[in-house]
Amino acid sequence: MAELTLYSAPGCHLCEQALALIEAELGVHELRVVDIEGDLALTYRYGVRIPVLRRADSGAELSWPFDRDALREWLVA
């Protein structure tokens, strides 16, 4: 399983929904959650798109909204 990063921000209710969905699907797999606030480059890149899930191996990104089926398909791609 590739290392996954969820780009998020405090108070982002969509980020909380995405995190719950990802954790339910991944179980014990690693997920790194990164707060984009305070990082100008990340805020510029992801500010209006969060939550965004990113694979370290390919750089592929999955932007919200996504459901369990879309997440599963993206994880195996």
N, C-alpha and C. Protein backbone atom coordinates (compact mmCIF):
# COMPACT_ATOMS: atom_id res chain seq x y z
N MET A 1 0.85 -1.18 0.00
CA MET A 1 0.00 0.00 0.00
C MET A 1 0.89 1.24 0.00
N ALA A 2 0.58 2.16 -0.85
CA ALA A 2 1.34 3.40 -0.95
C ALA A 2 1.10 4.27 0.28
N GLU A 3 2.09 5.11 0.58
CA GLU A 3 1.90 6.10 1.64
C GLU A 3 0.89 7.11 1.15
N LEU A 4 -0.06 7.44 2.01
CA LEU A 4 -1.13 8.37 1.64
C LEU A 4 -1.08 9.60 2.53
N THR A 5 -1.37 10.75 1.93
CA THR A 5 -1.43 12.01 2.66
C THR A 5 -2.78 12.65 2.40
N LEU A 6 -3.44 13.06 3.48
CA LEU A 6 -4.69 13.81 3.36
C LEU A 6 -4.39 15.26 3.70
N TYR A 7 -4.60 16.14 2.74
CA TYR A 7 -4.43 17.57 2.98
C TYR A 7 -5.73 18.10 3.52
N SER A 8 -5.62 18.82 4.64
CA SER A 8 -6.78 19.21 5.41
C SER A 8 -6.53 20.56 6.08
N ALA A 9 -7.53 21.03 6.83
CA ALA A 9 -7.38 22.25 7.62
C ALA A 9 -8.33 22.17 8.81
N PRO A 10 -7.98 22.83 9.90
CA PRO A 10 -8.85 22.84 11.07
C PRO A 10 -10.21 23.44 10.74
N GLY A 11 -11.25 22.87 11.29
CA GLY A 11 -12.60 23.39 11.09
C GLY A 11 -13.21 23.03 9.75
N CYS A 12 -12.55 22.22 8.97
CA CYS A 12 -13.05 21.81 7.66
C CYS A 12 -13.93 20.57 7.84
N HIS A 13 -15.25 20.76 7.81
CA HIS A 13 -16.15 19.62 8.04
C HIS A 13 -16.07 18.59 6.91
N LEU A 14 -15.78 19.02 5.71
CA LEU A 14 -15.61 18.07 4.61
C LEU A 14 -14.37 17.22 4.83
N CYS A 15 -13.33 17.83 5.39
CA CYS A 15 -12.11 17.09 5.71
C CYS A 15 -12.39 16.02 6.76
N GLU A 16 -13.21 16.36 7.75
CA GLU A 16 -13.58 15.39 8.78
C GLU A 16 -14.35 14.22 8.17
N GLN A 17 -15.25 14.52 7.23
CA GLN A 17 -16.01 13.46 6.56
C GLN A 17 -15.07 12.57 5.74
N ALA A 18 -14.16 13.18 5.02
CA ALA A 18 -13.22 12.42 4.20
C ALA A 18 -12.33 11.54 5.09
N LEU A 19 -11.85 12.09 6.19
CA LEU A 19 -11.00 11.33 7.10
C LEU A 19 -11.73 10.11 7.66
N ALA A 20 -12.98 10.29 8.05
CA ALA A 20 -13.76 9.17 8.57
C ALA A 20 -13.93 8.08 7.51
N LEU A 21 -14.22 8.48 6.29
CA LEU A 21 -14.38 7.52 5.19
C LEU A 21 -13.07 6.79 4.91
N ILE A 22 -11.98 7.52 4.86
CA ILE A 22 -10.67 6.92 4.57
C ILE A 22 -10.28 5.95 5.68
N GLU A 23 -10.43 6.37 6.93
CA GLU A 23 -10.06 5.50 8.05
C GLU A 23 -10.91 4.23 8.07
N ALA A 24 -12.19 4.34 7.74
CA ALA A 24 -13.06 3.17 7.70
C ALA A 24 -12.62 2.19 6.61
N GLU A 25 -12.13 2.72 5.51
CA GLU A 25 -11.72 1.87 4.39
C GLU A 25 -10.32 1.29 4.58
N LEU A 26 -9.41 2.08 5.09
CA LEU A 26 -8.01 1.66 5.18
C LEU A 26 -7.71 0.79 6.39
N GLY A 27 -8.46 0.92 7.44
CA GLY A 27 -8.17 0.15 8.64
C GLY A 27 -6.81 0.50 9.21
N VAL A 28 -5.87 -0.45 9.13
CA VAL A 28 -4.57 -0.27 9.78
C VAL A 28 -3.52 0.40 8.89
N HIS A 29 -3.86 0.71 7.66
CA HIS A 29 -2.87 1.33 6.76
C HIS A 29 -2.52 2.74 7.22
N GLU A 30 -1.34 3.17 6.84
CA GLU A 30 -0.86 4.49 7.23
C GLU A 30 -1.55 5.59 6.45
N LEU A 31 -1.88 6.64 7.19
CA LEU A 31 -2.43 7.85 6.58
C LEU A 31 -1.80 9.03 7.31
N ARG A 32 -1.21 9.90 6.56
CA ARG A 32 -0.63 11.12 7.12
C ARG A 32 -1.59 12.26 6.85
N VAL A 33 -1.97 13.00 7.88
CA VAL A 33 -2.85 14.15 7.73
C VAL A 33 -2.01 15.40 7.85
N VAL A 34 -2.09 16.26 6.83
CA VAL A 34 -1.29 17.49 6.80
C VAL A 34 -2.23 18.69 6.83
N ASP A 35 -1.99 19.57 7.80
CA ASP A 35 -2.73 20.82 7.93
C ASP A 35 -2.08 21.83 6.99
N ILE A 36 -2.84 22.33 6.03
CA ILE A 36 -2.27 23.26 5.05
C ILE A 36 -2.14 24.68 5.58
N GLU A 37 -2.83 25.00 6.68
CA GLU A 37 -2.75 26.35 7.23
C GLU A 37 -1.34 26.63 7.69
N GLY A 38 -0.85 27.80 7.42
CA GLY A 38 0.49 28.17 7.84
C GLY A 38 1.56 27.83 6.81
N ASP A 39 1.19 27.13 5.76
CA ASP A 39 2.13 26.80 4.69
C ASP A 39 1.60 27.43 3.41
N LEU A 40 2.22 28.50 2.99
CA LEU A 40 1.71 29.25 1.83
C LEU A 40 1.64 28.41 0.56
N ALA A 41 2.65 27.58 0.35
CA ALA A 41 2.66 26.75 -0.86
C ALA A 41 1.51 25.76 -0.86
N LEU A 42 1.28 25.10 0.28
CA LEU A 42 0.18 24.14 0.37
C LEU A 42 -1.17 24.84 0.30
N THR A 43 -1.28 26.00 0.93
CA THR A 43 -2.53 26.76 0.88
C THR A 43 -2.84 27.18 -0.55
N TYR A 44 -1.83 27.61 -1.28
CA TYR A 44 -2.01 28.00 -2.68
C TYR A 44 -2.44 26.80 -3.52
N ARG A 45 -1.82 25.66 -3.27
CA ARG A 45 -2.09 24.47 -4.09
C ARG A 45 -3.42 23.82 -3.75
N TYR A 46 -3.75 23.76 -2.45
CA TYR A 46 -4.91 22.98 -2.02
C TYR A 46 -6.02 23.79 -1.36
N GLY A 47 -5.83 25.07 -1.14
CA GLY A 47 -6.75 25.87 -0.35
C GLY A 47 -8.22 25.73 -0.67
N VAL A 48 -8.58 25.77 -1.93
CA VAL A 48 -10.00 25.68 -2.30
C VAL A 48 -10.40 24.26 -2.67
N ARG A 49 -9.45 23.32 -2.60
CA ARG A 49 -9.73 21.94 -3.04
C ARG A 49 -9.85 20.95 -1.89
N ILE A 50 -9.44 21.33 -0.68
CA ILE A 50 -9.41 20.36 0.42
C ILE A 50 -10.81 19.85 0.72
N PRO A 51 -10.88 18.61 1.14
CA PRO A 51 -9.81 17.65 1.36
C PRO A 51 -9.31 17.01 0.06
N VAL A 52 -8.01 16.75 0.03
CA VAL A 52 -7.37 16.08 -1.10
C VAL A 52 -6.51 14.95 -0.55
N LEU A 53 -6.67 13.77 -1.13
CA LEU A 53 -5.88 12.61 -0.75
C LEU A 53 -4.83 12.39 -1.84
N ARG A 54 -3.57 12.20 -1.42
CA ARG A 54 -2.46 12.08 -2.38
C ARG A 54 -1.65 10.83 -2.12
N ARG A 55 -1.31 10.13 -3.20
CA ARG A 55 -0.44 8.94 -3.13
C ARG A 55 1.00 9.36 -3.31
N ALA A 56 1.88 8.88 -2.43
CA ALA A 56 3.30 9.23 -2.52
C ALA A 56 3.97 8.53 -3.70
N ASP A 57 3.53 7.32 -4.04
CA ASP A 57 4.21 6.56 -5.10
C ASP A 57 4.00 7.14 -6.49
N SER A 58 2.81 7.64 -6.77
CA SER A 58 2.52 8.12 -8.11
C SER A 58 2.22 9.62 -8.18
N GLY A 59 1.97 10.22 -7.03
CA GLY A 59 1.58 11.62 -7.01
C GLY A 59 0.12 11.83 -7.38
N ALA A 60 -0.61 10.75 -7.60
CA ALA A 60 -2.03 10.85 -7.96
C ALA A 60 -2.81 11.45 -6.81
N GLU A 61 -3.79 12.28 -7.16
CA GLU A 61 -4.61 12.93 -6.14
C GLU A 61 -6.08 12.61 -6.36
N LEU A 62 -6.77 12.45 -5.24
CA LEU A 62 -8.21 12.23 -5.24
C LEU A 62 -8.84 13.39 -4.49
N SER A 63 -9.60 14.19 -5.21
CA SER A 63 -10.22 15.37 -4.61
C SER A 63 -11.65 15.07 -4.18
N TRP A 64 -12.07 15.74 -3.13
CA TRP A 64 -13.43 15.63 -2.63
C TRP A 64 -14.36 16.29 -3.63
N PRO A 65 -15.55 15.76 -3.85
CA PRO A 65 -16.19 14.66 -3.13
C PRO A 65 -15.83 13.30 -3.73
N PHE A 66 -15.68 12.31 -2.84
CA PHE A 66 -15.53 10.93 -3.27
C PHE A 66 -16.26 10.04 -2.27
N ASP A 67 -16.69 8.89 -2.77
CA ASP A 67 -17.38 7.94 -1.91
C ASP A 67 -16.49 6.71 -1.74
N ARG A 68 -16.99 5.73 -1.02
CA ARG A 68 -16.21 4.52 -0.74
C ARG A 68 -15.80 3.81 -2.03
N ASP A 69 -16.69 3.72 -3.00
CA ASP A 69 -16.37 3.04 -4.26
C ASP A 69 -15.27 3.77 -5.02
N ALA A 70 -15.37 5.09 -5.10
CA ALA A 70 -14.34 5.88 -5.79
C ALA A 70 -13.00 5.76 -5.08
N LEU A 71 -13.03 5.74 -3.75
CA LEU A 71 -11.80 5.59 -2.97
C LEU A 71 -11.16 4.24 -3.23
N ARG A 72 -11.96 3.19 -3.21
CA ARG A 72 -11.43 1.84 -3.46
C ARG A 72 -10.80 1.75 -4.85
N GLU A 73 -11.49 2.27 -5.85
CA GLU A 73 -10.99 2.23 -7.22
C GLU A 73 -9.67 3.01 -7.34
N TRP A 74 -9.60 4.15 -6.71
CA TRP A 74 -8.40 4.99 -6.75
C TRP A 74 -7.23 4.30 -6.05
N LEU A 75 -7.50 3.60 -4.96
CA LEU A 75 -6.44 2.94 -4.20
C LEU A 75 -5.77 1.81 -4.98
N VAL A 76 -6.52 1.14 -5.85
CA VAL A 76 -5.95 0.01 -6.59
C VAL A 76 -5.41 0.42 -7.96
N ALA A 77 -5.64 1.64 -8.35
CA ALA A 77 -5.18 2.11 -9.67
C ALA A 77 -3.69 2.28 -9.71
